[in-house]
Amino acid sequence: MEPIHKKVGRNLLAIRKSRGLSLDNVAELTGVSKAMLGQIERGDSNPTISVLWRIVGGLGISFTTLIEEADADVTVVSPEGLEPFVEEDGAYRAYPLFPYNLRTKFETYLVSLDPGREHASEPHNDGVEEYIFVHRGVLELGFGDDLHRIPAGSSVRFSANRPHRYRNPGAEATEFYTVIFYADAAARR
């Protein structure tokens, strides 16, 4: 299986070329340096989730557009066969279960967050919604001073166009599934 950073590089290059953009143009749109973008496109760098969010936000695309492959009639996915996006020194792991595509307008992840750890997320584009289904443990979802506690078996939906954070207040890993819906992403693509 191809490493995820190689897919990201190949897809970023294809998107940039399909739009007739130079590395300078993409750097200006995303706030990511030209040198870093070049390293990503060559597959020489495994970018952080924060860098990827800046790229997708600047280009107006979904996160998993950078890792998508051709659609099949039936797709069975297991997290064990996927390379996760890792942040917070490995304490936050997001497994891309189903990448974004134009037909569905959503992407799906299984996220695992270690005990006592937190992950901050940049705001997504306007019109983006997140749907979270907590499978194990407890998830605290924060927006500024506003904090929501979501126990296993519960779900939450929110507009993701503002900074938000995920926190695991428990003594065991928290696992949740998240569906990120891009209401108007297809129109910008």
Protein backbone atom coordinates (compact mmCIF):
# COMPACT_ATOMS: atom_id res chain seq x y z
CA MET A 1 0.00 0.00 0.00
CA GLU A 2 1.29 3.45 -0.93
CA PRO A 3 2.31 5.64 2.05
CA ILE A 4 -0.19 8.40 2.77
CA HIS A 5 2.34 11.22 2.31
CA LYS A 6 3.05 9.97 -1.23
CA LYS A 7 -0.69 10.09 -2.07
CA VAL A 8 -0.93 13.59 -0.61
CA GLY A 9 2.00 14.75 -2.73
CA ARG A 10 0.67 13.20 -5.93
CA ASN A 11 -2.84 14.62 -5.43
CA LEU A 12 -1.61 18.08 -4.42
CA LEU A 13 0.52 18.24 -7.56
CA ALA A 14 -2.43 17.12 -9.72
CA ILE A 15 -4.78 19.68 -8.15
CA ARG A 16 -2.23 22.48 -8.53
CA LYS A 17 -1.56 21.63 -12.18
CA SER A 18 -5.27 21.18 -13.01
CA ARG A 19 -5.86 24.73 -11.76
CA GLY A 20 -2.82 26.15 -13.54
CA LEU A 21 -1.27 27.30 -10.25
CA SER A 22 2.41 27.72 -9.50
CA LEU A 23 3.93 26.78 -6.16
CA ASP A 24 4.10 30.52 -5.43
CA ASN A 25 0.34 30.81 -6.08
CA VAL A 26 -0.46 27.92 -3.75
CA ALA A 27 1.89 29.29 -1.08
CA GLU A 28 0.06 32.63 -1.24
CA LEU A 29 -3.38 30.96 -1.04
CA THR A 30 -2.50 28.62 1.82
CA GLY A 31 0.15 30.35 3.90
CA VAL A 32 2.37 27.26 3.54
CA SER A 33 5.88 27.98 2.26
CA LYS A 34 6.81 27.21 -1.33
CA ALA A 35 9.66 25.00 -0.07
CA MET A 36 7.29 22.94 2.14
CA LEU A 37 4.77 22.60 -0.70
CA GLY A 38 7.51 21.35 -3.00
CA GLN A 39 8.64 18.80 -0.42
CA ILE A 40 5.05 17.61 0.02
CA GLU A 41 4.50 17.27 -3.75
CA ARG A 42 7.72 15.24 -4.12
CA GLY A 43 6.69 12.99 -1.23
CA ASP A 44 9.75 14.08 0.74
CA SER A 45 7.71 15.43 3.67
CA ASN A 46 4.96 13.95 5.81
CA PRO A 47 3.01 17.14 6.66
CA THR A 48 1.15 17.66 9.92
CA ILE A 49 -2.63 17.82 10.02
CA SER A 50 -2.40 21.56 10.70
CA VAL A 51 -0.38 22.12 7.51
CA LEU A 52 -2.83 19.98 5.52
CA TRP A 53 -5.79 21.99 6.88
CA ARG A 54 -4.09 25.21 5.74
CA ILE A 55 -3.64 23.71 2.27
CA VAL A 56 -7.20 22.44 1.91
CA GLY A 57 -8.62 25.67 3.35
CA GLY A 58 -6.60 27.81 0.96
CA LEU A 59 -7.52 25.67 -2.04
CA GLY A 60 -11.17 25.24 -1.00
CA ILE A 61 -11.04 21.45 -1.13
CA SER A 62 -11.84 18.69 1.35
CA PHE A 63 -9.17 17.16 3.54
CA THR A 64 -9.34 13.71 2.00
CA THR A 65 -9.20 15.06 -1.54
CA LEU A 66 -5.48 14.90 -0.90
CA ILE A 67 -5.56 11.15 -0.24
CA GLU A 68 -8.42 9.92 -2.41
CA GLU A 69 -8.14 7.05 -4.85
CA ALA A 70 -10.49 5.82 -7.58
CA ASP A 71 -13.96 4.71 -6.37
CA ALA A 72 -14.94 1.03 -6.31
CA ASP A 73 -18.44 -0.51 -6.24
CA VAL A 74 -17.84 -1.94 -2.76
CA THR A 75 -15.15 -0.73 -0.37
CA VAL A 76 -14.35 -2.47 2.90
CA VAL A 77 -12.04 -0.49 5.15
CA SER A 78 -10.27 -1.48 8.35
CA PRO A 79 -8.24 1.00 10.42
CA GLU A 80 -5.50 -1.64 10.76
CA GLY A 81 -4.83 -1.29 7.03
CA LEU A 82 -4.66 2.51 7.07
CA GLU A 83 -1.90 4.94 7.89
CA PRO A 84 -3.31 7.55 10.27
CA PHE A 85 -2.70 11.26 10.32
CA VAL A 86 -0.86 11.79 13.58
CA GLU A 87 -0.62 14.91 15.75
CA GLU A 88 0.18 15.77 19.37
CA ASP A 89 3.25 13.49 19.44
CA GLY A 90 1.13 10.50 18.43
CA ALA A 91 -1.63 11.06 21.00
CA TYR A 92 -4.15 12.03 18.26
CA ARG A 93 -4.61 9.58 15.39
CA ALA A 94 -7.12 10.11 12.57
CA TYR A 95 -7.69 7.13 10.27
CA PRO A 96 -9.18 8.22 6.92
CA LEU A 97 -11.92 5.61 6.39
CA PHE A 98 -13.72 7.13 3.41
CA PRO A 99 -12.16 10.05 1.51
CA TYR A 100 -14.23 12.90 0.16
CA ASN A 101 -15.79 12.64 -3.28
CA LEU A 102 -18.08 14.90 -5.28
CA ARG A 103 -21.03 12.51 -5.12
CA THR A 104 -21.24 12.18 -1.34
CA LYS A 105 -19.74 15.56 -0.30
CA PHE A 106 -18.39 14.03 2.92
CA GLU A 107 -15.38 12.24 4.37
CA THR A 108 -15.20 9.87 7.34
CA TYR A 109 -12.51 9.22 9.95
CA LEU A 110 -11.99 7.03 12.98
CA VAL A 111 -10.16 9.15 15.56
CA SER A 112 -8.33 7.88 18.62
CA LEU A 113 -7.26 10.34 21.33
CA ASP A 114 -5.07 9.25 24.24
CA PRO A 115 -6.12 9.88 27.88
CA GLY A 116 -5.73 13.46 29.11
CA ARG A 117 -4.76 14.76 25.68
CA GLU A 118 -6.27 17.49 23.51
CA HIS A 119 -6.20 18.37 19.81
CA ALA A 120 -7.04 21.83 18.48
CA SER A 121 -8.57 22.14 15.02
CA GLU A 122 -8.40 25.13 12.74
CA PRO A 123 -11.73 26.47 11.45
CA HIS A 124 -12.94 24.76 8.29
CA ASN A 125 -14.54 26.59 5.38
CA ASP A 126 -18.02 28.08 5.72
CA GLY A 127 -20.75 25.48 5.22
CA VAL A 128 -18.67 22.60 6.62
CA GLU A 129 -20.38 20.53 9.32
CA GLU A 130 -18.96 17.78 11.53
CA TYR A 131 -20.97 14.83 12.79
CA ILE A 132 -19.26 12.92 15.61
CA PHE A 133 -20.28 9.53 17.01
CA VAL A 134 -18.40 8.63 20.20
CA HIS A 135 -17.64 4.91 20.24
CA ARG A 136 -15.47 4.55 23.35
CA GLY A 137 -14.61 6.79 26.28
CA VAL A 138 -15.70 10.42 26.68
CA LEU A 139 -15.06 13.29 24.30
CA GLU A 140 -15.04 16.92 25.35
CA LEU A 141 -15.68 19.22 22.40
CA GLY A 142 -14.77 22.85 22.98
CA PHE A 143 -15.45 26.16 21.26
CA GLY A 144 -13.69 28.93 23.18
CA ASP A 145 -15.09 28.73 26.74
CA ASP A 146 -18.05 26.59 25.59
CA LEU A 147 -17.45 22.89 26.40
CA HIS A 148 -19.66 19.91 25.51
CA ARG A 149 -19.17 16.49 27.10
CA ILE A 150 -20.13 13.60 24.81
CA PRO A 151 -20.05 10.09 26.36
CA ALA A 152 -19.76 6.80 24.46
CA GLY A 153 -22.94 6.02 22.55
CA SER A 154 -23.77 9.71 22.03
CA SER A 155 -23.35 11.94 19.00
CA VAL A 156 -22.94 15.63 18.20
CA ARG A 157 -23.26 17.84 15.11
CA PHE A 158 -21.74 21.31 14.73
CA SER A 159 -20.74 23.96 12.22
CA ALA A 160 -16.99 23.59 11.89
CA ASN A 161 -16.19 27.07 10.55
CA ARG A 162 -14.71 28.21 13.87
CA PRO A 163 -11.77 26.96 15.93
CA HIS A 164 -12.65 23.88 17.95
CA ARG A 165 -10.85 21.33 20.09
CA TYR A 166 -11.24 17.71 21.03
CA ARG A 167 -10.20 16.59 24.52
CA ASN A 168 -10.12 13.23 26.25
CA PRO A 169 -10.74 13.80 29.99
CA GLY A 170 -10.78 10.08 30.80
CA ALA A 171 -8.29 7.41 31.83
CA GLU A 172 -8.69 5.36 28.62
CA ALA A 173 -8.36 6.23 24.94
CA THR A 174 -11.38 7.92 23.43
CA GLU A 175 -12.46 6.71 20.00
CA PHE A 176 -14.95 8.48 17.81
CA TYR A 177 -16.09 8.47 14.23
CA THR A 178 -16.37 11.80 12.51
CA VAL A 179 -18.14 12.62 9.28
CA ILE A 180 -17.15 15.95 7.76
CA PHE A 181 -19.81 17.24 5.37
CA TYR A 182 -18.90 19.85 2.76
CA ALA A 183 -22.21 21.43 1.76
CA ASP A 184 -20.77 23.69 -0.92
CA ALA A 185 -17.30 22.24 -1.55
CA ALA A 186 -18.34 20.61 -4.82
CA ALA A 187 -19.28 24.00 -6.28
CA ARG A 188 -15.79 25.41 -5.59
CA ARG A 189 -13.83 22.44 -6.83
